[in-house]
Amino acid sequence: MNGDKEQHRMLEEAGWEPEEVEDETIWRNPKDGNWYEQDRAIQLLTGGEDVGSSD
């Protein structure tokens, strides 16, 4: 599965809300209401693990 799609699915399942802004998806943290770029949202969700990387 594409890493970006996997990350998107993980964030949605965890209750994060996506918003499209200038060809980029940002995410609202359900715990604090703050908005984050997808990479940072994944870091917060996973405790810093690199998830769904294409490396």
C-alpha atoms as a PDB file:
ATOM      1  CA  MET A   1       0.000   0.000   0.000  1.00  0.00           C
ATOM      2  CA  ASN A   2       1.180   3.533  -0.713  1.00  0.00           C
ATOM      3  CA  GLY A   3       2.817   4.984   2.422  1.00  0.00           C
ATOM      4  CA  ASP A   4       0.898   8.246   2.132  1.00  0.00           C
ATOM      5  CA  LYS A   5      -2.441   6.433   1.925  1.00  0.00           C
ATOM      6  CA  GLU A   6      -1.473   4.200   4.847  1.00  0.00           C
ATOM      7  CA  GLN A   7      -0.613   7.258   6.960  1.00  0.00           C
ATOM      8  CA  HIS A   8      -3.895   8.923   5.945  1.00  0.00           C
ATOM      9  CA  ARG A   9      -5.838   5.821   7.022  1.00  0.00           C
ATOM     10  CA  MET A  10      -3.970   5.594  10.340  1.00  0.00           C
ATOM     11  CA  LEU A  11      -4.647   9.238  11.189  1.00  0.00           C
ATOM     12  CA  GLU A  12      -8.348   9.001  10.337  1.00  0.00           C
ATOM     13  CA  GLU A  13      -8.747   5.810  12.378  1.00  0.00           C
ATOM     14  CA  ALA A  14      -7.148   7.602  15.335  1.00  0.00           C
ATOM     15  CA  GLY A  15      -9.669  10.455  15.088  1.00  0.00           C
ATOM     16  CA  TRP A  16      -7.512  13.051  13.343  1.00  0.00           C
ATOM     17  CA  GLU A  17      -9.420  15.330  10.921  1.00  0.00           C
ATOM     18  CA  PRO A  18      -7.918  16.185   7.516  1.00  0.00           C
ATOM     19  CA  GLU A  19      -8.120  19.570   5.795  1.00  0.00           C
ATOM     20  CA  GLU A  20      -6.805  20.328   2.309  1.00  0.00           C
ATOM     21  CA  VAL A  21      -4.722  23.520   2.186  1.00  0.00           C
ATOM     22  CA  GLU A  22      -2.822  24.568  -0.936  1.00  0.00           C
ATOM     23  CA  ASP A  23      -2.397  21.029  -2.357  1.00  0.00           C
ATOM     24  CA  GLU A  24      -1.359  19.679   1.050  1.00  0.00           C
ATOM     25  CA  THR A  25      -3.280  17.858   3.765  1.00  0.00           C
ATOM     26  CA  ILE A  26      -3.001  19.146   7.294  1.00  0.00           C
ATOM     27  CA  TRP A  27      -4.439  17.316  10.274  1.00  0.00           C
ATOM     28  CA  ARG A  28      -6.281  18.418  13.435  1.00  0.00           C
ATOM     29  CA  ASN A  29      -5.181  16.572  16.543  1.00  0.00           C
ATOM     30  CA  PRO A  30      -8.284  15.297  18.365  1.00  0.00           C
ATOM     31  CA  LYS A  31      -6.544  15.683  21.741  1.00  0.00           C
ATOM     32  CA  ASP A  32      -5.419  19.311  21.566  1.00  0.00           C
ATOM     33  CA  GLY A  33      -7.226  20.742  18.523  1.00  0.00           C
ATOM     34  CA  ASN A  34      -3.977  21.947  16.925  1.00  0.00           C
ATOM     35  CA  TRP A  35      -3.238  21.519  13.210  1.00  0.00           C
ATOM     36  CA  TYR A  36      -0.138  19.698  11.948  1.00  0.00           C
ATOM     37  CA  GLU A  37       1.445  18.746   8.625  1.00  0.00           C
ATOM     38  CA  GLN A  38       0.990  15.043   7.897  1.00  0.00           C
ATOM     39  CA  ASP A  39       4.581  14.026   8.722  1.00  0.00           C
ATOM     40  CA  ARG A  40       4.403  15.708  12.143  1.00  0.00           C
ATOM     41  CA  ALA A  41       0.934  14.272  12.806  1.00  0.00           C
ATOM     42  CA  ILE A  42       2.259  10.761  12.148  1.00  0.00           C
ATOM     43  CA  GLN A  43       5.199  11.396  14.485  1.00  0.00           C
ATOM     44  CA  LEU A  44       2.823  12.486  17.238  1.00  0.00           C
ATOM     45  CA  LEU A  45       0.514   9.537  16.627  1.00  0.00           C
ATOM     46  CA  THR A  46       3.253   6.897  16.594  1.00  0.00           C
ATOM     47  CA  GLY A  47       5.601   8.348  19.170  1.00  0.00           C
ATOM     48  CA  GLY A  48       8.198   9.281  16.556  1.00  0.00           C
ATOM     49  CA  GLU A  49       8.246   6.054  14.523  1.00  0.00           C
ATOM     50  CA  ASP A  50       8.623   6.370  10.758  1.00  0.00           C
ATOM     51  CA  VAL A  51       5.454   4.697   9.482  1.00  0.00           C
ATOM     52  CA  GLY A  52       4.658   3.891   5.859  1.00  0.00           C
ATOM     53  CA  SER A  53       7.982   5.113   4.553  1.00  0.00           C
ATOM     54  CA  SER A  54       8.856   4.218   0.979  1.00  0.00           C
ATOM     55  CA  ASP A  55      12.551   3.763   1.899  1.00  0.00           C
END
